[in-house]
């Protein structure tokens, strides 16, 4: 790492991690980004709060952000919002980029990061390809939200007599004793995306316990995730090279899902191999500050000021 004083932000929907060289006791943690509000003021507030808490001077802010789009990836505007904190340079990237760097460094491969949402990024010798990460309405297949949504669907099918009984019903009924009114409560909940995604943990436990419905959801989620990996690699592969794959995020904490994902991935392509990650997202955020301009991922970053 260079001598610049770098403040790194790993901003997700479930939480934000912040790292500075001066912070003692590990990374700082704060609530996740609010997707219904402007992004850059939220990131600027994190910078200001971190500087105030740590007293650490900052030269460069580097952020990996869940759901970052070209429309809100204005590094110049972010620089203006943080100049008062002493910031002279800003680098912004989608969290798929920083997740990749944290997991595999600057080598070729693919990373699938599955939490509340999911995104897959493959990097080849010259190009990159992102698959999914299109949000809970249009995509995020195999994500925590997707799994939770499938769980709720299964519970209501069982309630109606349209589907098999499942242990998942008990967890949903504990939250909404009158299942006939559950949909109204859920639709009115401003935190409904995270609430739906929270049922992914319920599915993981039920699947491990032998519930057939939960196991089926887990296998289908695993297939969606493996399919995204294959699609991403196909777009960057230029030869019969071996691709390392890392699976990150809370969704893969489910043993049945991880087992199904690994089997699906390896059964269809001998040149793809699941490996353990080198680090986590915040490690990738810090690495982004020193990413070589010639690396394929440099095209996926947004920069302003003195880096």
C-alpha atoms as a PDB file:
ATOM      1  CA  UNK A   1       0.000   0.000   0.000  1.00  0.00           C
ATOM      2  CA  UNK A   2       1.312   3.458  -0.852  1.00  0.00           C
ATOM      3  CA  UNK A   3       1.986   6.219   1.661  1.00  0.00           C
ATOM      4  CA  UNK A   4      -1.264   7.962   0.815  1.00  0.00           C
ATOM      5  CA  UNK A   5      -3.716   8.042   3.675  1.00  0.00           C
ATOM      6  CA  UNK A   6      -6.555   5.931   2.308  1.00  0.00           C
ATOM      7  CA  UNK A   7     -10.024   5.590   3.762  1.00  0.00           C
ATOM      8  CA  UNK A   8     -11.825   2.538   2.408  1.00  0.00           C
ATOM      9  CA  UNK A   9     -15.598   2.050   2.414  1.00  0.00           C
ATOM     10  CA  UNK A  10     -17.280  -1.283   1.718  1.00  0.00           C
ATOM     11  CA  UNK A  11     -20.913  -0.181   1.392  1.00  0.00           C
ATOM     12  CA  UNK A  12     -23.629  -2.814   1.254  1.00  0.00           C
ATOM     13  CA  UNK A  13     -27.352  -2.914   1.917  1.00  0.00           C
ATOM     14  CA  UNK A  14     -26.894  -4.833   5.157  1.00  0.00           C
ATOM     15  CA  UNK A  15     -23.988  -2.833   6.540  1.00  0.00           C
ATOM     16  CA  UNK A  16     -21.017  -0.580   5.841  1.00  0.00           C
ATOM     17  CA  UNK A  17     -17.410  -1.365   6.775  1.00  0.00           C
ATOM     18  CA  UNK A  18     -14.811   1.375   6.938  1.00  0.00           C
ATOM     19  CA  UNK A  19     -11.048   0.944   7.192  1.00  0.00           C
ATOM     20  CA  UNK A  20      -8.294   3.479   7.807  1.00  0.00           C
ATOM     21  CA  UNK A  21      -4.695   2.923   8.776  1.00  0.00           C
ATOM     22  CA  UNK A  22      -5.266   4.941  11.949  1.00  0.00           C
ATOM     23  CA  UNK A  23      -8.354   3.057  13.156  1.00  0.00           C
ATOM     24  CA  UNK A  24      -7.614   0.886  16.176  1.00  0.00           C
ATOM     25  CA  UNK A  25      -9.585  -2.206  17.073  1.00  0.00           C
ATOM     26  CA  UNK A  26     -10.382  -3.237  13.490  1.00  0.00           C
ATOM     27  CA  UNK A  27     -12.795  -1.966  10.873  1.00  0.00           C
ATOM     28  CA  UNK A  28     -15.571   0.432  11.778  1.00  0.00           C
ATOM     29  CA  UNK A  29     -19.125  -0.729  11.115  1.00  0.00           C
ATOM     30  CA  UNK A  30     -22.293   1.284  10.484  1.00  0.00           C
ATOM     31  CA  UNK A  31     -25.811   0.592   9.111  1.00  0.00           C
ATOM     32  CA  UNK A  32     -26.162  -0.218   5.433  1.00  0.00           C
ATOM     33  CA  UNK A  33     -26.850   2.197   2.615  1.00  0.00           C
ATOM     34  CA  UNK A  34     -30.458   3.301   2.132  1.00  0.00           C
ATOM     35  CA  UNK A  35     -31.279   2.514  -1.466  1.00  0.00           C
ATOM     36  CA  UNK A  36     -34.222   4.923  -1.587  1.00  0.00           C
ATOM     37  CA  UNK A  37     -32.045   7.956  -0.785  1.00  0.00           C
ATOM     38  CA  UNK A  38     -29.219   9.709  -2.691  1.00  0.00           C
ATOM     39  CA  UNK A  39     -26.047   7.659  -2.399  1.00  0.00           C
ATOM     40  CA  UNK A  40     -23.175  10.150  -2.385  1.00  0.00           C
ATOM     41  CA  UNK A  41     -24.338  12.207   0.637  1.00  0.00           C
ATOM     42  CA  UNK A  42     -24.558   8.933   2.581  1.00  0.00           C
ATOM     43  CA  UNK A  43     -20.972   8.044   1.667  1.00  0.00           C
ATOM     44  CA  UNK A  44     -19.795  11.572   2.453  1.00  0.00           C
ATOM     45  CA  UNK A  45     -21.437  11.332   5.877  1.00  0.00           C
ATOM     46  CA  UNK A  46     -19.534   8.090   6.514  1.00  0.00           C
ATOM     47  CA  UNK A  47     -16.271   9.855   5.655  1.00  0.00           C
ATOM     48  CA  UNK A  48     -17.040  12.787   7.946  1.00  0.00           C
ATOM     49  CA  UNK A  49     -18.074  10.520  10.809  1.00  0.00           C
ATOM     50  CA  UNK A  50     -14.954   8.366  10.432  1.00  0.00           C
ATOM     51  CA  UNK A  51     -12.614  11.341  10.435  1.00  0.00           C
ATOM     52  CA  UNK A  52     -14.345  12.709  13.516  1.00  0.00           C
ATOM     53  CA  UNK A  53     -14.222   9.376  15.363  1.00  0.00           C
ATOM     54  CA  UNK A  54     -10.625   8.464  14.514  1.00  0.00           C
ATOM     55  CA  UNK A  55      -8.988  11.846  14.034  1.00  0.00           C
ATOM     56  CA  UNK A  56      -7.249  10.267  11.061  1.00  0.00           C
ATOM     57  CA  UNK A  57      -6.335  12.560   8.154  1.00  0.00           C
ATOM     58  CA  UNK A  58      -7.541  11.299   4.770  1.00  0.00           C
ATOM     59  CA  UNK A  59      -6.058  11.883   1.328  1.00  0.00           C
ATOM     60  CA  UNK A  60      -7.996   9.403  -0.791  1.00  0.00           C
ATOM     61  CA  UNK A  61     -11.452   7.865  -0.358  1.00  0.00           C
ATOM     62  CA  UNK A  62     -12.011   4.522  -2.062  1.00  0.00           C
ATOM     63  CA  UNK A  63     -15.467   2.939  -2.017  1.00  0.00           C
ATOM     64  CA  UNK A  64     -16.967  -0.299  -3.242  1.00  0.00           C
ATOM     65  CA  UNK A  65     -20.728   0.175  -3.342  1.00  0.00           C
ATOM     66  CA  UNK A  66     -23.599  -2.273  -3.708  1.00  0.00           C
ATOM     67  CA  UNK A  67     -25.837  -1.340  -6.631  1.00  0.00           C
ATOM     68  CA  UNK A  68     -23.563   1.423  -7.917  1.00  0.00           C
ATOM     69  CA  UNK A  69     -24.723   2.671 -11.322  1.00  0.00           C
ATOM     70  CA  UNK A  70     -23.213   5.072 -13.830  1.00  0.00           C
ATOM     71  CA  UNK A  71     -25.859   7.561 -12.757  1.00  0.00           C
ATOM     72  CA  UNK A  72     -24.642   7.785  -9.171  1.00  0.00           C
ATOM     73  CA  UNK A  73     -20.956   6.962  -9.682  1.00  0.00           C
ATOM     74  CA  UNK A  74     -19.934  10.628  -9.859  1.00  0.00           C
ATOM     75  CA  UNK A  75     -16.474  10.630  -8.318  1.00  0.00           C
ATOM     76  CA  UNK A  76     -16.132  14.374  -8.931  1.00  0.00           C
ATOM     77  CA  UNK A  77     -19.283  15.123  -6.946  1.00  0.00           C
ATOM     78  CA  UNK A  78     -18.095  12.844  -4.158  1.00  0.00           C
ATOM     79  CA  UNK A  79     -14.791  14.709  -4.089  1.00  0.00           C
ATOM     80  CA  UNK A  80     -16.588  18.026  -3.658  1.00  0.00           C
ATOM     81  CA  UNK A  81     -18.685  16.597  -0.822  1.00  0.00           C
ATOM     82  CA  UNK A  82     -15.575  15.452   1.059  1.00  0.00           C
ATOM     83  CA  UNK A  83     -13.039  18.219   0.380  1.00  0.00           C
ATOM     84  CA  UNK A  84     -13.765  19.758   3.780  1.00  0.00           C
ATOM     85  CA  UNK A  85     -12.448  16.539   5.347  1.00  0.00           C
ATOM     86  CA  UNK A  86      -9.151  16.971   3.495  1.00  0.00           C
ATOM     87  CA  UNK A  87      -9.898  14.495   0.723  1.00  0.00           C
ATOM     88  CA  UNK A  88      -7.907  15.061  -2.498  1.00  0.00           C
ATOM     89  CA  UNK A  89      -8.944  12.016  -4.518  1.00  0.00           C
ATOM     90  CA  UNK A  90     -11.891   9.634  -4.872  1.00  0.00           C
ATOM     91  CA  UNK A  91     -12.270   6.195  -6.436  1.00  0.00           C
ATOM     92  CA  UNK A  92     -15.713   4.597  -6.755  1.00  0.00           C
ATOM     93  CA  UNK A  93     -16.541   1.092  -7.976  1.00  0.00           C
ATOM     94  CA  UNK A  94     -19.357  -1.419  -7.889  1.00  0.00           C
ATOM     95  CA  UNK A  95     -18.889  -3.845  -5.003  1.00  0.00           C
ATOM     96  CA  UNK A  96     -18.503  -6.701  -7.475  1.00  0.00           C
ATOM     97  CA  UNK A  97     -15.154  -5.141  -8.405  1.00  0.00           C
ATOM     98  CA  UNK A  98     -13.953  -4.810  -4.827  1.00  0.00           C
ATOM     99  CA  UNK A  99     -15.300  -8.241  -3.878  1.00  0.00           C
ATOM    100  CA  UNK A 100     -13.263  -9.691  -6.728  1.00  0.00           C
ATOM    101  CA  UNK A 101     -10.063  -7.934  -5.674  1.00  0.00           C
ATOM    102  CA  UNK A 102     -10.564  -8.995  -2.082  1.00  0.00           C
ATOM    103  CA  UNK A 103     -11.154 -12.622  -3.008  1.00  0.00           C
ATOM    104  CA  UNK A 104      -8.765 -13.237  -5.926  1.00  0.00           C
ATOM    105  CA  UNK A 105      -6.492 -10.198  -6.116  1.00  0.00           C
ATOM    106  CA  UNK A 106      -5.433  -9.264  -9.634  1.00  0.00           C
ATOM    107  CA  UNK A 107      -5.573 -12.791 -11.112  1.00  0.00           C
ATOM    108  CA  UNK A 108      -8.142 -14.039 -13.619  1.00  0.00           C
ATOM    109  CA  UNK A 109     -11.203 -15.808 -12.278  1.00  0.00           C
ATOM    110  CA  UNK A 110     -14.778 -15.268 -11.146  1.00  0.00           C
ATOM    111  CA  UNK A 111     -16.369 -14.167  -7.896  1.00  0.00           C
ATOM    112  CA  UNK A 112     -20.020 -14.608  -6.972  1.00  0.00           C
ATOM    113  CA  UNK A 113     -21.060 -12.530  -3.959  1.00  0.00           C
ATOM    114  CA  UNK A 114     -24.450 -13.529  -2.582  1.00  0.00           C
ATOM    115  CA  UNK A 115     -26.008 -11.772   0.375  1.00  0.00           C
ATOM    116  CA  UNK A 116     -29.322  -9.895   0.317  1.00  0.00           C
ATOM    117  CA  UNK A 117     -28.601  -9.420  -3.389  1.00  0.00           C
ATOM    118  CA  UNK A 118     -26.125 -11.190  -5.661  1.00  0.00           C
ATOM    119  CA  UNK A 119     -23.684 -10.245  -8.383  1.00  0.00           C
ATOM    120  CA  UNK A 120     -21.084 -12.265 -10.283  1.00  0.00           C
ATOM    121  CA  UNK A 121     -17.957 -10.807 -11.850  1.00  0.00           C
ATOM    122  CA  UNK A 122     -15.518 -12.633 -14.113  1.00  0.00           C
ATOM    123  CA  UNK A 123     -12.144 -11.224 -15.144  1.00  0.00           C
ATOM    124  CA  UNK A 124     -10.162 -12.609 -18.058  1.00  0.00           C
ATOM    125  CA  UNK A 125      -6.874 -11.617 -19.625  1.00  0.00           C
ATOM    126  CA  UNK A 126      -8.336  -8.547 -21.299  1.00  0.00           C
ATOM    127  CA  UNK A 127     -12.002  -8.131 -20.408  1.00  0.00           C
ATOM    128  CA  UNK A 128     -14.489  -8.354 -17.563  1.00  0.00           C
ATOM    129  CA  UNK A 129     -18.108  -9.494 -17.428  1.00  0.00           C
ATOM    130  CA  UNK A 130     -20.729  -8.822 -14.800  1.00  0.00           C
ATOM    131  CA  UNK A 131     -23.761 -11.092 -14.521  1.00  0.00           C
ATOM    132  CA  UNK A 132     -26.922 -10.285 -12.553  1.00  0.00           C
ATOM    133  CA  UNK A 133     -26.922  -7.854  -9.665  1.00  0.00           C
ATOM    134  CA  UNK A 134     -30.084  -6.419 -11.185  1.00  0.00           C
ATOM    135  CA  UNK A 135     -31.911  -5.956  -7.906  1.00  0.00           C
ATOM    136  CA  UNK A 136     -34.723  -7.740  -6.146  1.00  0.00           C
ATOM    137  CA  UNK A 137     -37.414  -6.807  -8.666  1.00  0.00           C
ATOM    138  CA  UNK A 138     -35.602  -7.749 -11.887  1.00  0.00           C
ATOM    139  CA  UNK A 139     -32.892 -10.178 -10.854  1.00  0.00           C
ATOM    140  CA  UNK A 140     -30.632 -11.278  -7.976  1.00  0.00           C
ATOM    141  CA  UNK A 141     -31.356 -14.941  -8.721  1.00  0.00           C
ATOM    142  CA  UNK A 142     -30.159 -17.190  -5.922  1.00  0.00           C
ATOM    143  CA  UNK A 143     -29.679 -14.318  -3.485  1.00  0.00           C
ATOM    144  CA  UNK A 144     -30.882 -14.101   0.096  1.00  0.00           C
ATOM    145  CA  UNK A 145     -33.913 -12.150  -1.097  1.00  0.00           C
ATOM    146  CA  UNK A 146     -34.616 -14.712  -3.821  1.00  0.00           C
ATOM    147  CA  UNK A 147     -34.411 -17.555  -1.299  1.00  0.00           C
ATOM    148  CA  UNK A 148     -36.592 -15.712   1.205  1.00  0.00           C
ATOM    149  CA  UNK A 149     -39.156 -14.944  -1.473  1.00  0.00           C
ATOM    150  CA  UNK A 150     -39.249 -18.625  -2.479  1.00  0.00           C
ATOM    151  CA  UNK A 151     -39.707 -19.563   1.181  1.00  0.00           C
ATOM    152  CA  UNK A 152     -42.686 -17.232   1.579  1.00  0.00           C
ATOM    153  CA  UNK A 153     -44.189 -18.533  -1.639  1.00  0.00           C
ATOM    154  CA  UNK A 154     -43.816 -22.117  -0.399  1.00  0.00           C
ATOM    155  CA  UNK A 155     -45.428 -21.277   2.927  1.00  0.00           C
ATOM    156  CA  UNK A 156     -48.435 -19.670   1.274  1.00  0.00           C
ATOM    157  CA  UNK A 157     -48.769 -22.598  -1.133  1.00  0.00           C
ATOM    158  CA  UNK A 158     -48.866 -24.943   1.836  1.00  0.00           C
ATOM    159  CA  UNK A 159     -51.396 -22.656   3.555  1.00  0.00           C
ATOM    160  CA  UNK A 160     -53.647 -22.774   0.497  1.00  0.00           C
ATOM    161  CA  UNK A 161     -53.249 -26.502  -0.058  1.00  0.00           C
ATOM    162  CA  UNK A 162     -51.399 -25.871  -3.337  1.00  0.00           C
ATOM    163  CA  UNK A 163     -48.091 -27.240  -2.093  1.00  0.00           C
ATOM    164  CA  UNK A 164     -46.496 -29.614   0.421  1.00  0.00           C
ATOM    165  CA  UNK A 165     -46.256 -28.836   4.112  1.00  0.00           C
ATOM    166  CA  UNK A 166     -42.958 -27.405   5.311  1.00  0.00           C
ATOM    167  CA  UNK A 167     -41.147 -26.473   8.511  1.00  0.00           C
ATOM    168  CA  UNK A 168     -40.807 -22.980   7.073  1.00  0.00           C
ATOM    169  CA  UNK A 169     -44.412 -22.288   8.027  1.00  0.00           C
ATOM    170  CA  UNK A 170     -43.551 -22.156  11.718  1.00  0.00           C
ATOM    171  CA  UNK A 171     -40.994 -19.361  11.260  1.00  0.00           C
ATOM    172  CA  UNK A 172     -43.308 -17.292   9.076  1.00  0.00           C
ATOM    173  CA  UNK A 173     -46.246 -17.820  11.439  1.00  0.00           C
ATOM    174  CA  UNK A 174     -44.116 -16.694  14.375  1.00  0.00           C
ATOM    175  CA  UNK A 175     -43.802 -13.322  12.672  1.00  0.00           C
ATOM    176  CA  UNK A 176     -47.316 -13.187  11.235  1.00  0.00           C
ATOM    177  CA  UNK A 177     -49.676 -15.421  13.234  1.00  0.00           C
ATOM    178  CA  UNK A 178     -52.506 -14.730  10.781  1.00  0.00           C
ATOM    179  CA  UNK A 179     -50.976 -15.869   7.516  1.00  0.00           C
ATOM    180  CA  UNK A 180     -53.955 -14.550   5.576  1.00  0.00           C
ATOM    181  CA  UNK A 181     -52.849 -11.015   6.506  1.00  0.00           C
ATOM    182  CA  UNK A 182     -49.097 -11.531   6.200  1.00  0.00           C
ATOM    183  CA  UNK A 183     -48.893 -10.083   2.691  1.00  0.00           C
ATOM    184  CA  UNK A 184     -50.468  -6.809   3.806  1.00  0.00           C
ATOM    185  CA  UNK A 185     -48.012  -6.403   6.679  1.00  0.00           C
ATOM    186  CA  UNK A 186     -45.057  -7.234   4.442  1.00  0.00           C
ATOM    187  CA  UNK A 187     -46.045  -4.840   1.670  1.00  0.00           C
ATOM    188  CA  UNK A 188     -46.404  -2.011   4.186  1.00  0.00           C
ATOM    189  CA  UNK A 189     -43.011  -2.650   5.811  1.00  0.00           C
ATOM    190  CA  UNK A 190     -40.386  -0.136   4.575  1.00  0.00           C
ATOM    191  CA  UNK A 191     -37.671  -2.688   5.412  1.00  0.00           C
ATOM    192  CA  UNK A 192     -39.381  -5.474   3.458  1.00  0.00           C
ATOM    193  CA  UNK A 193     -36.386  -6.335   1.262  1.00  0.00           C
ATOM    194  CA  UNK A 194     -34.154  -7.117   4.217  1.00  0.00           C
ATOM    195  CA  UNK A 195     -37.071  -8.794   5.990  1.00  0.00           C
ATOM    196  CA  UNK A 196     -37.712 -11.149   3.080  1.00  0.00           C
ATOM    197  CA  UNK A 197     -33.976 -11.887   2.804  1.00  0.00           C
ATOM    198  CA  UNK A 198     -33.835 -12.784   6.491  1.00  0.00           C
ATOM    199  CA  UNK A 199     -35.806 -15.948   5.731  1.00  0.00           C
ATOM    200  CA  UNK A 200     -32.795 -17.298   3.814  1.00  0.00           C
ATOM    201  CA  UNK A 201     -31.286 -18.250   7.180  1.00  0.00           C
ATOM    202  CA  UNK A 202     -34.506 -20.078   8.050  1.00  0.00           C
ATOM    203  CA  UNK A 203     -34.286 -22.000   4.783  1.00  0.00           C
ATOM    204  CA  UNK A 204     -30.653 -22.927   5.504  1.00  0.00           C
ATOM    205  CA  UNK A 205     -31.526 -24.364   8.915  1.00  0.00           C
ATOM    206  CA  UNK A 206     -34.576 -26.218   7.624  1.00  0.00           C
ATOM    207  CA  UNK A 207     -32.629 -27.657   4.684  1.00  0.00           C
ATOM    208  CA  UNK A 208     -29.889 -28.894   7.010  1.00  0.00           C
ATOM    209  CA  UNK A 209     -32.608 -30.463   9.145  1.00  0.00           C
ATOM    210  CA  UNK A 210     -34.032 -32.415   6.215  1.00  0.00           C
ATOM    211  CA  UNK A 211     -37.058 -30.314   5.201  1.00  0.00           C
ATOM    212  CA  UNK A 212     -37.722 -31.263   1.573  1.00  0.00           C
ATOM    213  CA  UNK A 213     -39.139 -27.873   0.569  1.00  0.00           C
ATOM    214  CA  UNK A 214     -36.155 -25.990   2.001  1.00  0.00           C
ATOM    215  CA  UNK A 215     -33.757 -28.427   0.341  1.00  0.00           C
ATOM    216  CA  UNK A 216     -35.439 -27.876  -3.010  1.00  0.00           C
ATOM    217  CA  UNK A 217     -35.171 -24.098  -2.635  1.00  0.00           C
ATOM    218  CA  UNK A 218     -31.480 -24.439  -1.741  1.00  0.00           C
ATOM    219  CA  UNK A 219     -30.707 -26.622  -4.761  1.00  0.00           C
ATOM    220  CA  UNK A 220     -32.516 -24.272  -7.118  1.00  0.00           C
ATOM    221  CA  UNK A 221     -30.715 -21.254  -5.652  1.00  0.00           C
ATOM    222  CA  UNK A 222     -27.386 -23.051  -6.048  1.00  0.00           C
ATOM    223  CA  UNK A 223     -28.149 -23.760  -9.709  1.00  0.00           C
ATOM    224  CA  UNK A 224     -28.993 -20.106 -10.357  1.00  0.00           C
ATOM    225  CA  UNK A 225     -25.700 -19.023  -8.784  1.00  0.00           C
ATOM    226  CA  UNK A 226     -23.633 -21.609 -10.667  1.00  0.00           C
ATOM    227  CA  UNK A 227     -25.346 -20.663 -13.917  1.00  0.00           C
ATOM    228  CA  UNK A 228     -24.399 -17.014 -13.379  1.00  0.00           C
ATOM    229  CA  UNK A 229     -20.760 -18.017 -12.848  1.00  0.00           C
ATOM    230  CA  UNK A 230     -20.719 -20.025 -16.061  1.00  0.00           C
ATOM    231  CA  UNK A 231     -22.334 -17.191 -18.014  1.00  0.00           C
ATOM    232  CA  UNK A 232     -19.778 -14.670 -16.743  1.00  0.00           C
ATOM    233  CA  UNK A 233     -16.786 -16.889 -17.498  1.00  0.00           C
ATOM    234  CA  UNK A 234     -18.064 -17.632 -21.007  1.00  0.00           C
ATOM    235  CA  UNK A 235     -17.921 -13.911 -21.810  1.00  0.00           C
ATOM    236  CA  UNK A 236     -14.250 -13.459 -20.846  1.00  0.00           C
ATOM    237  CA  UNK A 237     -12.705 -16.839 -21.699  1.00  0.00           C
ATOM    238  CA  UNK A 238     -10.224 -16.667 -24.575  1.00  0.00           C
ATOM    239  CA  UNK A 239      -8.642 -20.131 -24.299  1.00  0.00           C
ATOM    240  CA  UNK A 240      -8.933 -23.424 -22.434  1.00  0.00           C
ATOM    241  CA  UNK A 241      -7.665 -21.769 -19.283  1.00  0.00           C
ATOM    242  CA  UNK A 242      -8.537 -22.778 -15.751  1.00  0.00           C
ATOM    243  CA  UNK A 243     -10.710 -20.319 -13.854  1.00  0.00           C
ATOM    244  CA  UNK A 244     -10.632 -19.971 -10.092  1.00  0.00           C
ATOM    245  CA  UNK A 245     -14.040 -19.241  -8.572  1.00  0.00           C
ATOM    246  CA  UNK A 246     -14.772 -17.753  -5.164  1.00  0.00           C
ATOM    247  CA  UNK A 247     -18.178 -17.898  -3.492  1.00  0.00           C
ATOM    248  CA  UNK A 248     -18.712 -15.067  -1.016  1.00  0.00           C
ATOM    249  CA  UNK A 249     -21.543 -13.865   1.200  1.00  0.00           C
ATOM    250  CA  UNK A 250     -23.951 -15.135   3.807  1.00  0.00           C
ATOM    251  CA  UNK A 251     -25.960 -17.253   1.369  1.00  0.00           C
ATOM    252  CA  UNK A 252     -23.033 -19.658   1.102  1.00  0.00           C
ATOM    253  CA  UNK A 253     -23.144 -20.166   4.866  1.00  0.00           C
ATOM    254  CA  UNK A 254     -25.833 -22.740   4.105  1.00  0.00           C
ATOM    255  CA  UNK A 255     -24.070 -26.111   3.936  1.00  0.00           C
ATOM    256  CA  UNK A 256     -26.758 -27.722   1.710  1.00  0.00           C
ATOM    257  CA  UNK A 257     -26.647 -24.793  -0.719  1.00  0.00           C
ATOM    258  CA  UNK A 258     -22.826 -24.687  -0.850  1.00  0.00           C
ATOM    259  CA  UNK A 259     -22.680 -28.432  -1.452  1.00  0.00           C
ATOM    260  CA  UNK A 260     -25.207 -28.166  -4.287  1.00  0.00           C
ATOM    261  CA  UNK A 261     -23.407 -25.139  -5.767  1.00  0.00           C
ATOM    262  CA  UNK A 262     -20.038 -26.894  -5.724  1.00  0.00           C
ATOM    263  CA  UNK A 263     -21.448 -30.028  -7.344  1.00  0.00           C
ATOM    264  CA  UNK A 264     -23.297 -28.044 -10.021  1.00  0.00           C
ATOM    265  CA  UNK A 265     -20.241 -25.915 -10.796  1.00  0.00           C
ATOM    266  CA  UNK A 266     -17.742 -28.782 -11.054  1.00  0.00           C
ATOM    267  CA  UNK A 267     -20.026 -31.201 -12.874  1.00  0.00           C
ATOM    268  CA  UNK A 268     -20.407 -28.980 -15.936  1.00  0.00           C
ATOM    269  CA  UNK A 269     -16.887 -27.581 -16.473  1.00  0.00           C
ATOM    270  CA  UNK A 270     -13.621 -29.300 -15.494  1.00  0.00           C
ATOM    271  CA  UNK A 271     -11.681 -26.078 -16.014  1.00  0.00           C
ATOM    272  CA  UNK A 272     -13.589 -24.254 -13.269  1.00  0.00           C
ATOM    273  CA  UNK A 273     -12.502 -24.828  -9.688  1.00  0.00           C
ATOM    274  CA  UNK A 274     -13.881 -23.416  -6.437  1.00  0.00           C
ATOM    275  CA  UNK A 275     -11.135 -21.925  -4.256  1.00  0.00           C
ATOM    276  CA  UNK A 276     -10.979 -20.200  -0.882  1.00  0.00           C
ATOM    277  CA  UNK A 277     -10.878 -16.388  -0.973  1.00  0.00           C
ATOM    278  CA  UNK A 278      -7.698 -14.500  -0.142  1.00  0.00           C
ATOM    279  CA  UNK A 279      -9.653 -11.861   1.770  1.00  0.00           C
ATOM    280  CA  UNK A 280     -12.953 -10.006   2.019  1.00  0.00           C
ATOM    281  CA  UNK A 281     -14.619  -7.011   0.395  1.00  0.00           C
ATOM    282  CA  UNK A 282     -12.933  -4.330   2.486  1.00  0.00           C
ATOM    283  CA  UNK A 283      -9.539  -5.818   1.551  1.00  0.00           C
ATOM    284  CA  UNK A 284     -10.529  -5.393  -2.082  1.00  0.00           C
ATOM    285  CA  UNK A 285     -11.574  -1.794  -1.446  1.00  0.00           C
ATOM    286  CA  UNK A 286      -8.125  -0.976  -0.095  1.00  0.00           C
ATOM    287  CA  UNK A 287      -6.457  -2.774  -3.025  1.00  0.00           C
ATOM    288  CA  UNK A 288      -8.492  -0.697  -5.465  1.00  0.00           C
ATOM    289  CA  UNK A 289      -6.494   2.404  -4.532  1.00  0.00           C
ATOM    290  CA  UNK A 290      -3.387   0.842  -6.102  1.00  0.00           C
ATOM    291  CA  UNK A 291      -4.968  -1.000  -9.041  1.00  0.00           C
ATOM    292  CA  UNK A 292      -2.766  -0.760 -12.128  1.00  0.00           C
ATOM    293  CA  UNK A 293      -4.252   1.297 -14.957  1.00  0.00           C
ATOM    294  CA  UNK A 294      -3.662  -1.582 -17.377  1.00  0.00           C
ATOM    295  CA  UNK A 295      -5.716  -4.086 -15.391  1.00  0.00           C
ATOM    296  CA  UNK A 296      -9.098  -4.950 -16.979  1.00  0.00           C
ATOM    297  CA  UNK A 297     -10.895  -3.888 -13.789  1.00  0.00           C
ATOM    298  CA  UNK A 298      -9.545  -0.343 -14.062  1.00  0.00           C
ATOM    299  CA  UNK A 299     -12.202   0.307 -16.710  1.00  0.00           C
ATOM    300  CA  UNK A 300     -14.862  -0.378 -14.079  1.00  0.00           C
ATOM    301  CA  UNK A 301     -13.688   2.367 -11.721  1.00  0.00           C
ATOM    302  CA  UNK A 302     -14.653   6.035 -11.492  1.00  0.00           C
ATOM    303  CA  UNK A 303     -11.914   8.457 -10.390  1.00  0.00           C
ATOM    304  CA  UNK A 304     -11.515  12.115  -9.568  1.00  0.00           C
ATOM    305  CA  UNK A 305      -8.764  14.276  -8.088  1.00  0.00           C
ATOM    306  CA  UNK A 306      -5.298  13.186  -7.052  1.00  0.00           C
ATOM    307  CA  UNK A 307      -5.164   9.406  -6.540  1.00  0.00           C
END
